[in-house]
Structures are given as structure tokens and as C-alpha cells.
């Protein structure tokens, strides 16, 4: 995704970070693939694939459900190290 993704675009990095944090405020601390799908427009299946391939910083619980800590996803969106 990175800095060129529509979620991140803004006048400056600080403004983009503030806008991203505000955008994510309505979501829980642990994001599911469905949440990430809403935010990115990716399909849930594609988000799960990104989780399996460790392209999104996620953990799998119970061998089925993926969760992404919200701060780590914001880092990912902003182009930081995941």
C-alpha cells in the first residue's frame, strides 16, 4: 500500500498521520480482514492472503481468524516498517 494509497494522501506526513488516526478511530484496536477490506477496498480474501504472506502485520488466533493491531496497520498504511 504505502504513502501513495488514498488512505494516506494529504499535504504532509504529519497531516496524513493525523487524518489516518482519525479515520481509524471508529474501528476496534484489533482489526479483522473485514475491517481492512472496508478501509482499503481490497476483498476480504485478498486481505487474508496478505496476512498469510506476512505483508500485513497480523496474527492468527485459533488457526482461523486473523487480527491486525490497529497501530501496526496505521504504520503499514503510512509506509513504515511492518
Protein backbone atom coordinates (compact mmCIF):
# COMPACT_ATOMS: atom_id res chain seq x y z
CA UNK A 1 0.00 0.00 0.00
CA UNK A 2 2.39 2.77 1.17
CA UNK A 3 2.27 6.52 1.01
CA UNK A 4 0.56 6.72 -2.39
CA UNK A 5 -2.53 4.87 -1.17
CA UNK A 6 -5.64 7.13 -0.93
CA UNK A 7 -5.92 6.47 2.83
CA UNK A 8 -2.55 8.22 3.33
CA UNK A 9 -2.66 11.09 0.88
CA UNK A 10 -2.55 14.50 2.45
CA UNK A 11 -0.46 17.68 2.40
CA UNK A 12 2.30 16.43 4.69
CA UNK A 13 3.30 13.32 6.60
CA UNK A 14 2.08 14.80 9.91
CA UNK A 15 -1.27 15.74 8.43
CA UNK A 16 -1.58 12.32 6.80
CA UNK A 17 -0.86 10.58 10.08
CA UNK A 18 -3.46 12.69 11.89
CA UNK A 19 -6.04 12.01 9.17
CA UNK A 20 -5.27 8.28 9.26
CA UNK A 21 -5.57 8.08 13.04
CA UNK A 22 -8.89 9.93 12.87
CA UNK A 23 -10.11 7.64 10.09
CA UNK A 24 -9.30 4.58 12.19
CA UNK A 25 -10.83 5.91 15.42
CA UNK A 26 -14.18 4.23 14.71
CA UNK A 27 -12.52 0.82 14.46
CA UNK A 28 -11.53 -1.54 17.30
CA UNK A 29 -7.94 -1.97 18.48
CA UNK A 30 -7.72 -5.33 16.68
CA UNK A 31 -8.77 -5.10 13.05
CA UNK A 32 -10.19 -8.08 11.18
CA UNK A 33 -9.84 -8.71 7.45
CA UNK A 34 -13.40 -7.39 7.08
CA UNK A 35 -12.38 -4.06 8.70
CA UNK A 36 -9.32 -3.80 6.47
CA UNK A 37 -11.46 -4.61 3.45
CA UNK A 38 -13.78 -1.69 4.33
CA UNK A 39 -10.82 0.65 4.72
CA UNK A 40 -8.87 -0.35 1.62
CA UNK A 41 -11.42 -1.65 -0.84
CA UNK A 42 -9.49 -4.94 -1.07
CA UNK A 43 -11.56 -8.10 -0.91
CA UNK A 44 -11.58 -9.97 2.40
CA UNK A 45 -9.96 -12.94 0.64
CA UNK A 46 -7.11 -10.74 -0.62
CA UNK A 47 -6.58 -9.25 2.86
CA UNK A 48 -6.34 -12.79 4.28
CA UNK A 49 -3.76 -13.60 1.59
CA UNK A 50 -1.72 -10.54 2.59
CA UNK A 51 -1.89 -11.70 6.21
CA UNK A 52 -0.77 -15.24 5.33
CA UNK A 53 2.14 -13.83 3.30
CA UNK A 54 3.12 -11.53 6.20
CA UNK A 55 2.65 -8.44 4.04
CA UNK A 56 0.27 -7.04 6.66
CA UNK A 57 1.41 -7.33 10.31
CA UNK A 58 -1.19 -9.84 11.52
CA UNK A 59 -1.58 -12.67 13.98
CA UNK A 60 -3.76 -15.72 13.53
CA UNK A 61 -5.83 -16.83 16.51
CA UNK A 62 -7.23 -20.33 16.80
CA UNK A 63 -5.87 -21.28 13.40
CA UNK A 64 -8.64 -19.39 11.61
CA UNK A 65 -9.22 -15.74 12.50
CA UNK A 66 -6.69 -13.04 11.58
CA UNK A 67 -6.25 -9.89 13.66
CA UNK A 68 -4.15 -6.82 12.92
CA UNK A 69 -3.27 -4.42 15.75
CA UNK A 70 -4.57 -1.03 14.69
CA UNK A 71 -1.29 0.85 15.39
CA UNK A 72 0.65 -1.66 13.26
CA UNK A 73 -1.84 -1.28 10.41
CA UNK A 74 -1.54 2.51 10.56
CA UNK A 75 2.27 2.07 10.33
CA UNK A 76 1.78 -0.23 7.35
CA UNK A 77 -0.53 2.24 5.62
CA UNK A 78 1.89 5.09 6.24
CA UNK A 79 4.71 3.08 4.65
CA UNK A 80 6.60 2.29 7.86
CA UNK A 81 8.28 -0.97 8.68
CA UNK A 82 5.76 -3.69 9.36
